[in-house]
Amino acid sequence: MALVLVTGYGGFLGRSICRQLLAAGHRVRGLARQSYPELQALGVDARQGDATRWEDCSTAVQGVDAIIHTAAIAGVWGPRSEFEIINVTATDNLLRAAVETRAQAFVYCSSPSVTFDGCPQRNIDETAPYPTRWLCDYPRTKAIAEQRVLQLGREHPSLLTCALRPHLIWGPGDPHLIPRLIAKCRTGRLRCVGSGTNLIDTVHVEAAAAAHLLALEKLLQSDRQVSGRVFFVTDGDPLPCWEWISQLLRHAGLTPPRGRVPLALAYRLGHALELVYAAGRIASEPPMTRFVAAQLGVDHYFSIEAAQNLLGYRPLGNRWQKLGEMEAWLKKLAE
């Protein structure tokens, strides 16, 4: 079986990918800035390092058959240079190392936000173009890195590459989306933006990890239909944004707030706050931004036909059942 390097292996998605790789019989090497003894105990060959440093990448990639690159900096606020170094430079380093060491496959974890400019997206597929403007540096830099990964896969004779775009990854242990929603609700800072009926997509972490393994297997089998391509990955069933948020909060034992903010007002407020925070060089994230307002208030859901047909991807199953299984964890989080 293959020796696979997983960058950001200790992250929410990275952990699930590592477990699934090991269960499938692959050998796993992990690269991250921190150490994760619990994953080492499972058999991960842990390498502590930084993908933005060439030396660390070059060492970590030695001898591997494939790379799954999940390490990134997410968020809607922060220094532009930080997003560029972590999201673009690190990807460039790993691609260069993969070529030099003659790795066979490179799977990049991208984001649907690389196509998002604030306008509604309804069942779009991978032919949707990159926008002429982005609302923050995260999708902009992810788009740059994604394009470099795909281009190399189309041009290189032996290194096959592809990119996946999982949307709103959720599940038990989520350290990002769910804790943020619960914290905002508990402190009275959560409001529905727009009507709340706008449709969005989500993807369970186990399904997102499984999609990465399916892509890896296709590339290791030299499937050129997959190489150089990108795939949306979701739960396959868009739902109203506020219904999803409300159900999460109820399972956490919280009452969803009834307050609403018109989308146009939230967007204008976000723009004004961005200008103020930028002018004042305020490091903390504004309470609202244009990107957040648009993500909360407009339709954005995606076709997964390509992932189903070319990768054999299937959504995990009943979303509401999976959510119910998380209730004990959600309530503990809300304590």
C-alpha atoms as a PDB file:
ATOM      1  CA  MET A   1       0.000   0.000   0.000  1.00  0.00           C
ATOM      2  CA  ALA A   2       1.025   3.615  -0.463  1.00  0.00           C
ATOM      3  CA  LEU A   3       2.968   5.833   1.895  1.00  0.00           C
ATOM      4  CA  VAL A   4       0.884   9.016   2.066  1.00  0.00           C
ATOM      5  CA  LEU A   5       1.949  12.355   3.522  1.00  0.00           C
ATOM      6  CA  VAL A   6      -0.948  14.270   5.078  1.00  0.00           C
ATOM      7  CA  THR A   7      -0.233  17.923   5.797  1.00  0.00           C
ATOM      8  CA  GLY A   8      -2.233  19.468   8.603  1.00  0.00           C
ATOM      9  CA  TYR A   9      -2.784  15.906   9.780  1.00  0.00           C
ATOM     10  CA  GLY A  10      -3.843  17.024  13.263  1.00  0.00           C
ATOM     11  CA  GLY A  11      -6.654  19.240  11.988  1.00  0.00           C
ATOM     12  CA  PHE A  12     -10.347  18.410  11.925  1.00  0.00           C
ATOM     13  CA  LEU A  13     -10.314  16.987   8.398  1.00  0.00           C
ATOM     14  CA  GLY A  14      -6.711  15.764   8.569  1.00  0.00           C
ATOM     15  CA  ARG A  15      -7.442  13.498  11.536  1.00  0.00           C
ATOM     16  CA  SER A  16     -10.315  11.829   9.740  1.00  0.00           C
ATOM     17  CA  ILE A  17      -8.221  11.361   6.596  1.00  0.00           C
ATOM     18  CA  CYS A  18      -5.428   9.756   8.617  1.00  0.00           C
ATOM     19  CA  ARG A  19      -7.788   7.320  10.309  1.00  0.00           C
ATOM     20  CA  GLN A  20      -9.388   6.315   7.019  1.00  0.00           C
ATOM     21  CA  LEU A  21      -6.024   5.895   5.317  1.00  0.00           C
ATOM     22  CA  LEU A  22      -4.788   3.633   8.114  1.00  0.00           C
ATOM     23  CA  ALA A  23      -8.020   1.641   8.060  1.00  0.00           C
ATOM     24  CA  ALA A  24      -7.528   1.124   4.313  1.00  0.00           C
ATOM     25  CA  GLY A  25      -4.053  -0.288   4.918  1.00  0.00           C
ATOM     26  CA  HIS A  26      -1.979   2.678   3.804  1.00  0.00           C
ATOM     27  CA  ARG A  27       1.046   3.943   5.672  1.00  0.00           C
ATOM     28  CA  VAL A  28       0.639   7.535   6.841  1.00  0.00           C
ATOM     29  CA  ARG A  29       3.166  10.262   7.479  1.00  0.00           C
ATOM     30  CA  GLY A  30       1.916  13.506   9.016  1.00  0.00           C
ATOM     31  CA  LEU A  31       3.375  17.009   8.743  1.00  0.00           C
ATOM     32  CA  ALA A  32       2.224  19.741  11.127  1.00  0.00           C
ATOM     33  CA  ARG A  33       3.625  22.466  13.320  1.00  0.00           C
ATOM     34  CA  GLN A  34       2.445  20.692  16.468  1.00  0.00           C
ATOM     35  CA  SER A  35       2.652  17.103  17.626  1.00  0.00           C
ATOM     36  CA  TYR A  36      -0.382  14.824  18.013  1.00  0.00           C
ATOM     37  CA  PRO A  37       0.506  11.820  20.198  1.00  0.00           C
ATOM     38  CA  GLU A  38      -2.941  10.229  19.808  1.00  0.00           C
ATOM     39  CA  LEU A  39      -2.422   9.952  16.037  1.00  0.00           C
ATOM     40  CA  GLN A  40       1.119   8.714  16.505  1.00  0.00           C
ATOM     41  CA  ALA A  41      -0.315   5.983  18.726  1.00  0.00           C
ATOM     42  CA  LEU A  42      -2.493   4.900  15.816  1.00  0.00           C
ATOM     43  CA  GLY A  43       0.559   4.526  13.592  1.00  0.00           C
ATOM     44  CA  VAL A  44       1.077   7.924  11.980  1.00  0.00           C
ATOM     45  CA  ASP A  45       4.731   8.724  11.283  1.00  0.00           C
ATOM     46  CA  ALA A  46       4.629  12.252  12.698  1.00  0.00           C
ATOM     47  CA  ARG A  47       6.963  14.929  11.385  1.00  0.00           C
ATOM     48  CA  GLN A  48       6.906  18.248  13.197  1.00  0.00           C
ATOM     49  CA  GLY A  49       7.562  21.052  10.745  1.00  0.00           C
ATOM     50  CA  ASP A  50       6.190  23.929   8.720  1.00  0.00           C
ATOM     51  CA  ALA A  51       5.135  23.534   5.084  1.00  0.00           C
ATOM     52  CA  THR A  52       6.044  27.174   4.434  1.00  0.00           C
ATOM     53  CA  ARG A  53       9.702  26.174   4.952  1.00  0.00           C
ATOM     54  CA  TRP A  54      11.228  24.386   1.993  1.00  0.00           C
ATOM     55  CA  GLU A  55      13.576  22.326   4.130  1.00  0.00           C
ATOM     56  CA  ASP A  56      10.695  20.879   6.156  1.00  0.00           C
ATOM     57  CA  CYS A  57       8.728  20.021   3.018  1.00  0.00           C
ATOM     58  CA  SER A  58      11.692  18.442   1.281  1.00  0.00           C
ATOM     59  CA  THR A  59      12.417  16.217   4.278  1.00  0.00           C
ATOM     60  CA  ALA A  60       8.794  15.219   4.888  1.00  0.00           C
ATOM     61  CA  VAL A  61       8.146  14.244   1.261  1.00  0.00           C
ATOM     62  CA  GLN A  62      11.155  11.928   0.959  1.00  0.00           C
ATOM     63  CA  GLY A  63       9.996   8.431   0.019  1.00  0.00           C
ATOM     64  CA  VAL A  64       6.264   9.126  -0.094  1.00  0.00           C
ATOM     65  CA  ASP A  65       4.024   7.895  -2.902  1.00  0.00           C
ATOM     66  CA  ALA A  66       1.393  10.582  -2.509  1.00  0.00           C
ATOM     67  CA  ILE A  67       0.485  13.803  -0.709  1.00  0.00           C
ATOM     68  CA  ILE A  68      -2.868  14.954   0.641  1.00  0.00           C
ATOM     69  CA  HIS A  69      -2.499  18.651   1.388  1.00  0.00           C
ATOM     70  CA  THR A  70      -5.051  19.939   3.913  1.00  0.00           C
ATOM     71  CA  ALA A  71      -2.915  22.453   5.831  1.00  0.00           C
ATOM     72  CA  ALA A  72      -4.124  26.028   5.365  1.00  0.00           C
ATOM     73  CA  ILE A  73      -5.071  29.203   7.143  1.00  0.00           C
ATOM     74  CA  ALA A  74      -8.798  29.865   6.983  1.00  0.00           C
ATOM     75  CA  GLY A  75     -10.767  32.890   8.111  1.00  0.00           C
ATOM     76  CA  VAL A  76     -12.020  36.175   6.749  1.00  0.00           C
ATOM     77  CA  TRP A  77      -9.554  38.570   8.334  1.00  0.00           C
ATOM     78  CA  GLY A  78      -5.821  38.907   8.825  1.00  0.00           C
ATOM     79  CA  PRO A  79      -2.622  40.043   7.125  1.00  0.00           C
ATOM     80  CA  ARG A  80      -2.617  39.373   3.383  1.00  0.00           C
ATOM     81  CA  SER A  81       0.973  38.152   3.550  1.00  0.00           C
ATOM     82  CA  GLU A  82       0.044  35.478   6.078  1.00  0.00           C
ATOM     83  CA  PHE A  83      -2.622  34.018   3.795  1.00  0.00           C
ATOM     84  CA  GLU A  84      -0.237  34.081   0.840  1.00  0.00           C
ATOM     85  CA  ILE A  85       2.618  32.402   2.678  1.00  0.00           C
ATOM     86  CA  ILE A  86       0.553  29.668   4.326  1.00  0.00           C
ATOM     87  CA  ASN A  87      -1.880  28.950   1.494  1.00  0.00           C
ATOM     88  CA  VAL A  88       0.252  29.605  -1.594  1.00  0.00           C
ATOM     89  CA  THR A  89       3.929  29.304  -0.658  1.00  0.00           C
ATOM     90  CA  ALA A  90       3.368  26.074   1.276  1.00  0.00           C
ATOM     91  CA  THR A  91       1.518  24.563  -1.689  1.00  0.00           C
ATOM     92  CA  ASP A  92       4.310  25.609  -4.039  1.00  0.00           C
ATOM     93  CA  ASN A  93       6.864  23.995  -1.721  1.00  0.00           C
ATOM     94  CA  LEU A  94       4.951  20.722  -1.593  1.00  0.00           C
ATOM     95  CA  LEU A  95       4.422  20.612  -5.354  1.00  0.00           C
ATOM     96  CA  ARG A  96       8.115  21.205  -5.966  1.00  0.00           C
ATOM     97  CA  ALA A  97       9.077  18.538  -3.430  1.00  0.00           C
ATOM     98  CA  ALA A  98       6.598  16.090  -4.956  1.00  0.00           C
ATOM     99  CA  VAL A  99       8.122  16.566  -8.407  1.00  0.00           C
ATOM    100  CA  GLU A 100      11.692  16.286  -7.158  1.00  0.00           C
ATOM    101  CA  THR A 101      11.024  13.093  -5.204  1.00  0.00           C
ATOM    102  CA  ARG A 102       8.876  11.592  -7.983  1.00  0.00           C
ATOM    103  CA  ALA A 103       5.716  11.211  -5.943  1.00  0.00           C
ATOM    104  CA  GLN A 104       2.808   9.807  -7.943  1.00  0.00           C
ATOM    105  CA  ALA A 105      -0.216  11.716  -6.645  1.00  0.00           C
ATOM    106  CA  PHE A 106      -1.151  15.047  -5.063  1.00  0.00           C
ATOM    107  CA  VAL A 107      -4.642  15.711  -3.663  1.00  0.00           C
ATOM    108  CA  TYR A 108      -5.337  19.314  -2.660  1.00  0.00           C
ATOM    109  CA  CYS A 109      -8.064  20.324  -0.226  1.00  0.00           C
ATOM    110  CA  SER A 110      -9.499  23.512  -1.714  1.00  0.00           C
ATOM    111  CA  SER A 111     -12.767  25.350  -0.987  1.00  0.00           C
ATOM    112  CA  PRO A 112     -15.961  26.242  -2.885  1.00  0.00           C
ATOM    113  CA  SER A 113     -15.329  29.838  -1.825  1.00  0.00           C
ATOM    114  CA  VAL A 114     -12.736  30.113  -4.619  1.00  0.00           C
ATOM    115  CA  THR A 115     -15.680  30.707  -6.975  1.00  0.00           C
ATOM    116  CA  PHE A 116     -17.655  33.017  -4.659  1.00  0.00           C
ATOM    117  CA  ASP A 117     -17.962  36.775  -5.153  1.00  0.00           C
ATOM    118  CA  GLY A 118     -21.042  37.356  -3.025  1.00  0.00           C
ATOM    119  CA  CYS A 119     -23.604  36.537  -5.727  1.00  0.00           C
ATOM    120  CA  PRO A 120     -25.979  33.548  -5.397  1.00  0.00           C
ATOM    121  CA  GLN A 121     -24.685  30.184  -6.606  1.00  0.00           C
ATOM    122  CA  ARG A 122     -27.371  27.617  -7.401  1.00  0.00           C
ATOM    123  CA  ASN A 123     -26.291  24.059  -8.213  1.00  0.00           C
ATOM    124  CA  ILE A 124     -23.180  25.282 -10.001  1.00  0.00           C
ATOM    125  CA  ASP A 125     -20.620  22.774 -11.225  1.00  0.00           C
ATOM    126  CA  GLU A 126     -16.864  22.869 -11.731  1.00  0.00           C
ATOM    127  CA  THR A 127     -17.157  24.868 -14.945  1.00  0.00           C
ATOM    128  CA  ALA A 128     -18.032  27.952 -12.880  1.00  0.00           C
ATOM    129  CA  PRO A 129     -15.212  30.489 -13.379  1.00  0.00           C
ATOM    130  CA  TYR A 130     -13.081  32.087 -10.744  1.00  0.00           C
ATOM    131  CA  PRO A 131     -14.450  35.549  -9.912  1.00  0.00           C
ATOM    132  CA  THR A 132     -12.795  38.795 -10.917  1.00  0.00           C
ATOM    133  CA  ARG A 133     -12.858  39.849  -7.262  1.00  0.00           C
ATOM    134  CA  TRP A 134     -12.822  38.073  -3.938  1.00  0.00           C
ATOM    135  CA  LEU A 135     -14.312  39.348  -0.707  1.00  0.00           C
ATOM    136  CA  CYS A 136     -11.330  38.323   1.423  1.00  0.00           C
ATOM    137  CA  ASP A 137      -7.861  36.820   1.122  1.00  0.00           C
ATOM    138  CA  TYR A 138      -8.747  33.260   2.100  1.00  0.00           C
ATOM    139  CA  PRO A 139     -10.622  32.347  -1.112  1.00  0.00           C
ATOM    140  CA  ARG A 140      -8.237  34.417  -3.212  1.00  0.00           C
ATOM    141  CA  THR A 141      -5.157  32.567  -2.015  1.00  0.00           C
ATOM    142  CA  LYS A 142      -6.889  29.182  -2.072  1.00  0.00           C
ATOM    143  CA  ALA A 143      -7.802  29.865  -5.709  1.00  0.00           C
ATOM    144  CA  ILE A 144      -4.190  30.667  -6.590  1.00  0.00           C
ATOM    145  CA  ALA A 145      -2.957  27.465  -4.945  1.00  0.00           C
ATOM    146  CA  GLU A 146      -5.732  25.398  -6.521  1.00  0.00           C
ATOM    147  CA  GLN A 147      -4.873  26.636 -10.004  1.00  0.00           C
ATOM    148  CA  ARG A 148      -1.201  25.740  -9.541  1.00  0.00           C
ATOM    149  CA  VAL A 149      -2.089  22.244  -8.367  1.00  0.00           C
ATOM    150  CA  LEU A 150      -4.417  21.647 -11.310  1.00  0.00           C
ATOM    151  CA  GLN A 151      -2.044  23.091 -13.869  1.00  0.00           C
ATOM    152  CA  LEU A 152       0.783  20.830 -12.734  1.00  0.00           C
ATOM    153  CA  GLY A 153      -1.520  17.817 -12.967  1.00  0.00           C
ATOM    154  CA  ARG A 154      -2.402  18.685 -16.558  1.00  0.00           C
ATOM    155  CA  GLU A 155       1.200  19.247 -17.637  1.00  0.00           C
ATOM    156  CA  HIS A 156       3.425  16.912 -15.646  1.00  0.00           C
ATOM    157  CA  PRO A 157       4.079  13.493 -17.221  1.00  0.00           C
ATOM    158  CA  SER A 158       4.092  11.502 -13.981  1.00  0.00           C
ATOM    159  CA  LEU A 159       2.691  13.533 -11.044  1.00  0.00           C
ATOM    160  CA  LEU A 160      -1.114  13.372 -11.122  1.00  0.00           C
ATOM    161  CA  THR A 161      -3.049  15.984  -9.165  1.00  0.00           C
ATOM    162  CA  CYS A 162      -6.594  17.019  -8.345  1.00  0.00           C
ATOM    163  CA  ALA A 163      -8.401  19.358  -5.961  1.00  0.00           C
ATOM    164  CA  LEU A 164     -11.516  18.868  -3.830  1.00  0.00           C
ATOM    165  CA  ARG A 165     -13.869  21.593  -2.667  1.00  0.00           C
ATOM    166  CA  PRO A 166     -15.668  20.391   0.495  1.00  0.00           C
ATOM    167  CA  HIS A 167     -18.244  22.870   1.759  1.00  0.00           C
ATOM    168  CA  LEU A 168     -18.908  23.673   5.439  1.00  0.00           C
ATOM    169  CA  ILE A 169     -17.294  20.589   6.958  1.00  0.00           C
ATOM    170  CA  TRP A 170     -19.109  19.534  10.128  1.00  0.00           C
ATOM    171  CA  GLY A 171     -19.209  16.685  12.598  1.00  0.00           C
ATOM    172  CA  PRO A 172     -18.225  15.813  16.177  1.00  0.00           C
ATOM    173  CA  GLY A 173     -14.970  17.447  17.180  1.00  0.00           C
ATOM    174  CA  ASP A 174     -15.400  20.402  14.831  1.00  0.00           C
ATOM    175  CA  PRO A 175     -13.175  23.150  16.327  1.00  0.00           C
ATOM    176  CA  HIS A 176     -14.321  25.909  13.958  1.00  0.00           C
ATOM    177  CA  LEU A 177     -17.880  26.394  12.699  1.00  0.00           C
ATOM    178  CA  ILE A 178     -20.000  24.812  15.425  1.00  0.00           C
ATOM    179  CA  PRO A 179     -18.158  26.251  18.476  1.00  0.00           C
ATOM    180  CA  ARG A 180     -18.349  29.687  16.862  1.00  0.00           C
ATOM    181  CA  LEU A 181     -22.107  29.458  16.329  1.00  0.00           C
ATOM    182  CA  ILE A 182     -22.693  28.236  19.875  1.00  0.00           C
ATOM    183  CA  ALA A 183     -20.503  30.958  21.389  1.00  0.00           C
ATOM    184  CA  LYS A 184     -22.295  33.679  19.426  1.00  0.00           C
ATOM    185  CA  CYS A 185     -25.685  32.319  20.454  1.00  0.00           C
ATOM    186  CA  ARG A 186     -24.753  32.130  24.146  1.00  0.00           C
ATOM    187  CA  THR A 187     -23.493  35.714  24.160  1.00  0.00           C
ATOM    188  CA  GLY A 188     -26.492  37.077  22.269  1.00  0.00           C
ATOM    189  CA  ARG A 189     -24.439  38.081  19.201  1.00  0.00           C
ATOM    190  CA  LEU A 190     -26.048  35.698  16.708  1.00  0.00           C
ATOM    191  CA  ARG A 191     -28.567  37.051  14.217  1.00  0.00           C
ATOM    192  CA  CYS A 192     -30.138  35.587  11.124  1.00  0.00           C
ATOM    193  CA  VAL A 193     -28.871  37.435   8.051  1.00  0.00           C
ATOM    194  CA  GLY A 194     -31.504  37.895   5.360  1.00  0.00           C
ATOM    195  CA  SER A 195     -34.567  35.667   5.222  1.00  0.00           C
ATOM    196  CA  GLY A 196     -32.741  32.580   6.497  1.00  0.00           C
ATOM    197  CA  THR A 197     -34.359  30.547   3.719  1.00  0.00           C
ATOM    198  CA  ASN A 198     -31.349  30.765   1.404  1.00  0.00           C
ATOM    199  CA  LEU A 199     -30.094  27.301   0.497  1.00  0.00           C
ATOM    200  CA  ILE A 200     -26.594  26.143   1.440  1.00  0.00           C
ATOM    201  CA  ASP A 201     -24.572  22.942   1.237  1.00  0.00           C
ATOM    202  CA  THR A 202     -22.679  21.163   4.012  1.00  0.00           C
ATOM    203  CA  VAL A 203     -20.495  18.042   4.153  1.00  0.00           C
ATOM    204  CA  HIS A 204     -19.900  15.671   7.045  1.00  0.00           C
ATOM    205  CA  VAL A 205     -16.227  15.320   7.942  1.00  0.00           C
ATOM    206  CA  GLU A 206     -16.236  11.559   7.357  1.00  0.00           C
ATOM    207  CA  ALA A 207     -17.655  12.024   3.862  1.00  0.00           C
ATOM    208  CA  ALA A 208     -15.149  14.770   3.088  1.00  0.00           C
ATOM    209  CA  ALA A 209     -12.298  12.504   4.205  1.00  0.00           C
ATOM    210  CA  ALA A 210     -13.660   9.606   2.166  1.00  0.00           C
ATOM    211  CA  ALA A 211     -13.711  11.818  -0.932  1.00  0.00           C
ATOM    212  CA  HIS A 212     -10.011  12.557  -0.472  1.00  0.00           C
ATOM    213  CA  LEU A 213      -9.256   8.843  -0.285  1.00  0.00           C
ATOM    214  CA  LEU A 214     -11.303   8.147  -3.413  1.00  0.00           C
ATOM    215  CA  ALA A 215      -9.414  10.861  -5.286  1.00  0.00           C
ATOM    216  CA  LEU A 216      -6.108   9.478  -4.022  1.00  0.00           C
ATOM    217  CA  GLU A 217      -6.925   5.971  -5.205  1.00  0.00           C
ATOM    218  CA  LYS A 218      -7.898   7.234  -8.664  1.00  0.00           C
ATOM    219  CA  LEU A 219      -4.635   9.147  -9.030  1.00  0.00           C
ATOM    220  CA  LEU A 220      -2.565   6.212  -7.785  1.00  0.00           C
ATOM    221  CA  GLN A 221      -4.293   4.139 -10.464  1.00  0.00           C
ATOM    222  CA  SER A 222      -3.104   6.716 -13.042  1.00  0.00           C
ATOM    223  CA  ASP A 223      -6.632   7.827 -13.866  1.00  0.00           C
ATOM    224  CA  ARG A 224      -6.069  10.824 -16.140  1.00  0.00           C
ATOM    225  CA  GLN A 225      -9.776  11.607 -16.207  1.00  0.00           C
ATOM    226  CA  VAL A 226      -9.321  12.758 -12.619  1.00  0.00           C
ATOM    227  CA  SER A 227      -5.910  14.406 -12.863  1.00  0.00           C
ATOM    228  CA  GLY A 228      -5.977  18.150 -13.367  1.00  0.00           C
ATOM    229  CA  ARG A 229      -9.616  18.366 -12.275  1.00  0.00           C
ATOM    230  CA  VAL A 230     -11.486  19.841  -9.343  1.00  0.00           C
ATOM    231  CA  PHE A 231     -14.524  18.370  -7.580  1.00  0.00           C
ATOM    232  CA  PHE A 232     -17.227  19.853  -5.368  1.00  0.00           C
ATOM    233  CA  VAL A 233     -17.936  17.647  -2.344  1.00  0.00           C
ATOM    234  CA  THR A 234     -21.101  18.067  -0.256  1.00  0.00           C
ATOM    235  CA  ASP A 235     -23.798  16.148   1.604  1.00  0.00           C
ATOM    236  CA  GLY A 236     -25.736  16.232  -1.664  1.00  0.00           C
ATOM    237  CA  ASP A 237     -28.820  17.880  -0.227  1.00  0.00           C
ATOM    238  CA  PRO A 238     -28.929  21.684   0.128  1.00  0.00           C
ATOM    239  CA  LEU A 239     -31.067  23.052   2.935  1.00  0.00           C
ATOM    240  CA  PRO A 240     -32.152  26.437   4.316  1.00  0.00           C
ATOM    241  CA  CYS A 241     -29.252  28.075   6.137  1.00  0.00           C
ATOM    242  CA  TRP A 242     -31.154  29.144   9.240  1.00  0.00           C
ATOM    243  CA  GLU A 243     -32.914  25.786   9.556  1.00  0.00           C
ATOM    244  CA  TRP A 244     -29.494  24.120   9.734  1.00  0.00           C
ATOM    245  CA  ILE A 245     -28.152  26.587  12.277  1.00  0.00           C
ATOM    246  CA  SER A 246     -31.317  26.383  14.384  1.00  0.00           C
ATOM    247  CA  GLN A 247     -31.234  22.582  14.527  1.00  0.00           C
ATOM    248  CA  LEU A 248     -27.603  22.650  15.615  1.00  0.00           C
ATOM    249  CA  LEU A 249     -28.423  25.073  18.411  1.00  0.00           C
ATOM    250  CA  ARG A 250     -31.461  23.103  19.582  1.00  0.00           C
ATOM    251  CA  HIS A 251     -29.413  19.908  19.812  1.00  0.00           C
ATOM    252  CA  ALA A 252     -26.962  21.915  21.929  1.00  0.00           C
ATOM    253  CA  GLY A 253     -29.816  22.803  24.281  1.00  0.00           C
ATOM    254  CA  LEU A 254     -29.932  26.421  23.147  1.00  0.00           C
ATOM    255  CA  THR A 255     -32.789  28.545  21.815  1.00  0.00           C
ATOM    256  CA  PRO A 256     -32.077  29.994  18.378  1.00  0.00           C
ATOM    257  CA  PRO A 257     -32.348  33.776  18.425  1.00  0.00           C
ATOM    258  CA  ARG A 258     -35.233  35.375  16.546  1.00  0.00           C
ATOM    259  CA  GLY A 259     -33.459  38.571  15.561  1.00  0.00           C
ATOM    260  CA  ARG A 260     -32.890  39.199  11.862  1.00  0.00           C
ATOM    261  CA  VAL A 261     -30.720  41.613   9.943  1.00  0.00           C
ATOM    262  CA  PRO A 262     -31.529  42.454   6.299  1.00  0.00           C
ATOM    263  CA  LEU A 263     -28.858  41.116   3.959  1.00  0.00           C
ATOM    264  CA  ALA A 264     -28.200  44.501   2.323  1.00  0.00           C
ATOM    265  CA  LEU A 265     -27.715  46.118   5.726  1.00  0.00           C
ATOM    266  CA  ALA A 266     -25.379  43.349   6.944  1.00  0.00           C
ATOM    267  CA  TYR A 267     -23.336  43.635   3.754  1.00  0.00           C
ATOM    268  CA  ARG A 268     -22.995  47.417   4.025  1.00  0.00           C
ATOM    269  CA  LEU A 269     -22.158  47.140   7.721  1.00  0.00           C
ATOM    270  CA  GLY A 270     -19.527  44.509   6.948  1.00  0.00           C
ATOM    271  CA  HIS A 271     -17.932  46.732   4.317  1.00  0.00           C
ATOM    272  CA  ALA A 272     -17.857  49.703   6.681  1.00  0.00           C
ATOM    273  CA  LEU A 273     -16.325  47.649   9.479  1.00  0.00           C
ATOM    274  CA  GLU A 274     -13.660  46.280   7.130  1.00  0.00           C
ATOM    275  CA  LEU A 275     -12.670  49.827   6.191  1.00  0.00           C
ATOM    276  CA  VAL A 276     -12.553  50.951   9.819  1.00  0.00           C
ATOM    277  CA  TYR A 277     -10.573  47.923  10.992  1.00  0.00           C
ATOM    278  CA  ALA A 278      -8.134  48.222   8.089  1.00  0.00           C
ATOM    279  CA  ALA A 279      -7.607  51.940   8.651  1.00  0.00           C
ATOM    280  CA  GLY A 280      -7.075  51.367  12.362  1.00  0.00           C
ATOM    281  CA  ARG A 281      -4.899  48.308  11.737  1.00  0.00           C
ATOM    282  CA  ILE A 282      -7.066  46.327  14.138  1.00  0.00           C
ATOM    283  CA  ALA A 283      -5.924  42.705  14.176  1.00  0.00           C
ATOM    284  CA  SER A 284      -9.100  41.150  15.558  1.00  0.00           C
ATOM    285  CA  GLU A 285     -11.818  40.066  13.148  1.00  0.00           C
ATOM    286  CA  PRO A 286     -14.689  42.533  12.634  1.00  0.00           C
ATOM    287  CA  PRO A 287     -18.062  41.358  13.979  1.00  0.00           C
ATOM    288  CA  MET A 288     -19.344  41.373  10.388  1.00  0.00           C
ATOM    289  CA  THR A 289     -17.681  41.340   6.964  1.00  0.00           C
ATOM    290  CA  ARG A 290     -18.988  41.293   3.392  1.00  0.00           C
ATOM    291  CA  PHE A 291     -17.921  37.675   2.958  1.00  0.00           C
ATOM    292  CA  VAL A 292     -19.701  36.496   6.117  1.00  0.00           C
ATOM    293  CA  ALA A 293     -22.854  38.465   5.280  1.00  0.00           C
ATOM    294  CA  ALA A 294     -23.011  36.972   1.799  1.00  0.00           C
ATOM    295  CA  GLN A 295     -22.259  33.433   2.995  1.00  0.00           C
ATOM    296  CA  LEU A 296     -25.060  33.675   5.546  1.00  0.00           C
ATOM    297  CA  GLY A 297     -27.561  35.417   3.332  1.00  0.00           C
ATOM    298  CA  VAL A 298     -27.415  34.118  -0.260  1.00  0.00           C
ATOM    299  CA  ASP A 299     -27.879  30.746  -1.930  1.00  0.00           C
ATOM    300  CA  HIS A 300     -24.695  28.768  -2.449  1.00  0.00           C
ATOM    301  CA  TYR A 301     -24.974  25.098  -3.264  1.00  0.00           C
ATOM    302  CA  PHE A 302     -23.168  22.878  -5.727  1.00  0.00           C
ATOM    303  CA  SER A 303     -23.484  19.921  -8.092  1.00  0.00           C
ATOM    304  CA  ILE A 304     -21.551  16.833  -6.987  1.00  0.00           C
ATOM    305  CA  GLU A 305     -22.213  14.935 -10.210  1.00  0.00           C
ATOM    306  CA  ALA A 306     -18.553  14.972 -11.244  1.00  0.00           C
ATOM    307  CA  ALA A 307     -17.403  13.577  -7.881  1.00  0.00           C
ATOM    308  CA  GLN A 308     -20.074  10.888  -8.051  1.00  0.00           C
ATOM    309  CA  ASN A 309     -19.313   9.873 -11.622  1.00  0.00           C
ATOM    310  CA  LEU A 310     -15.516  10.108 -11.686  1.00  0.00           C
ATOM    311  CA  LEU A 311     -14.554   9.405  -8.074  1.00  0.00           C
ATOM    312  CA  GLY A 312     -17.405   7.148  -7.000  1.00  0.00           C
ATOM    313  CA  TYR A 313     -18.223   9.572  -4.195  1.00  0.00           C
ATOM    314  CA  ARG A 314     -21.402   9.122  -2.183  1.00  0.00           C
ATOM    315  CA  PRO A 315     -22.693  11.380   0.614  1.00  0.00           C
ATOM    316  CA  LEU A 316     -22.565   9.818   4.062  1.00  0.00           C
ATOM    317  CA  GLY A 317     -26.315   9.496   4.697  1.00  0.00           C
ATOM    318  CA  ASN A 318     -29.072  11.064   6.739  1.00  0.00           C
ATOM    319  CA  ARG A 319     -27.841  14.468   7.874  1.00  0.00           C
ATOM    320  CA  TRP A 320     -30.411  14.832  10.646  1.00  0.00           C
ATOM    321  CA  GLN A 321     -29.592  11.415  12.090  1.00  0.00           C
ATOM    322  CA  LYS A 322     -25.894  12.293  12.141  1.00  0.00           C
ATOM    323  CA  LEU A 323     -26.723  15.582  13.814  1.00  0.00           C
ATOM    324  CA  GLY A 324     -28.791  13.809  16.459  1.00  0.00           C
ATOM    325  CA  GLU A 325     -25.874  11.505  17.207  1.00  0.00           C
ATOM    326  CA  MET A 326     -23.840  14.603  18.069  1.00  0.00           C
ATOM    327  CA  GLU A 327     -26.264  15.878  20.715  1.00  0.00           C
ATOM    328  CA  ALA A 328     -24.244  14.894  23.789  1.00  0.00           C
ATOM    329  CA  TRP A 329     -21.119  16.531  22.343  1.00  0.00           C
ATOM    330  CA  LEU A 330     -23.052  19.659  21.354  1.00  0.00           C
ATOM    331  CA  LYS A 331     -24.570  20.041  24.829  1.00  0.00           C
ATOM    332  CA  LYS A 332     -21.178  19.650  26.458  1.00  0.00           C
ATOM    333  CA  LEU A 333     -19.811  22.293  24.118  1.00  0.00           C
ATOM    334  CA  ALA A 334     -22.583  24.660  25.150  1.00  0.00           C
ATOM    335  CA  GLU A 335     -22.011  24.253  28.912  1.00  0.00           C
END
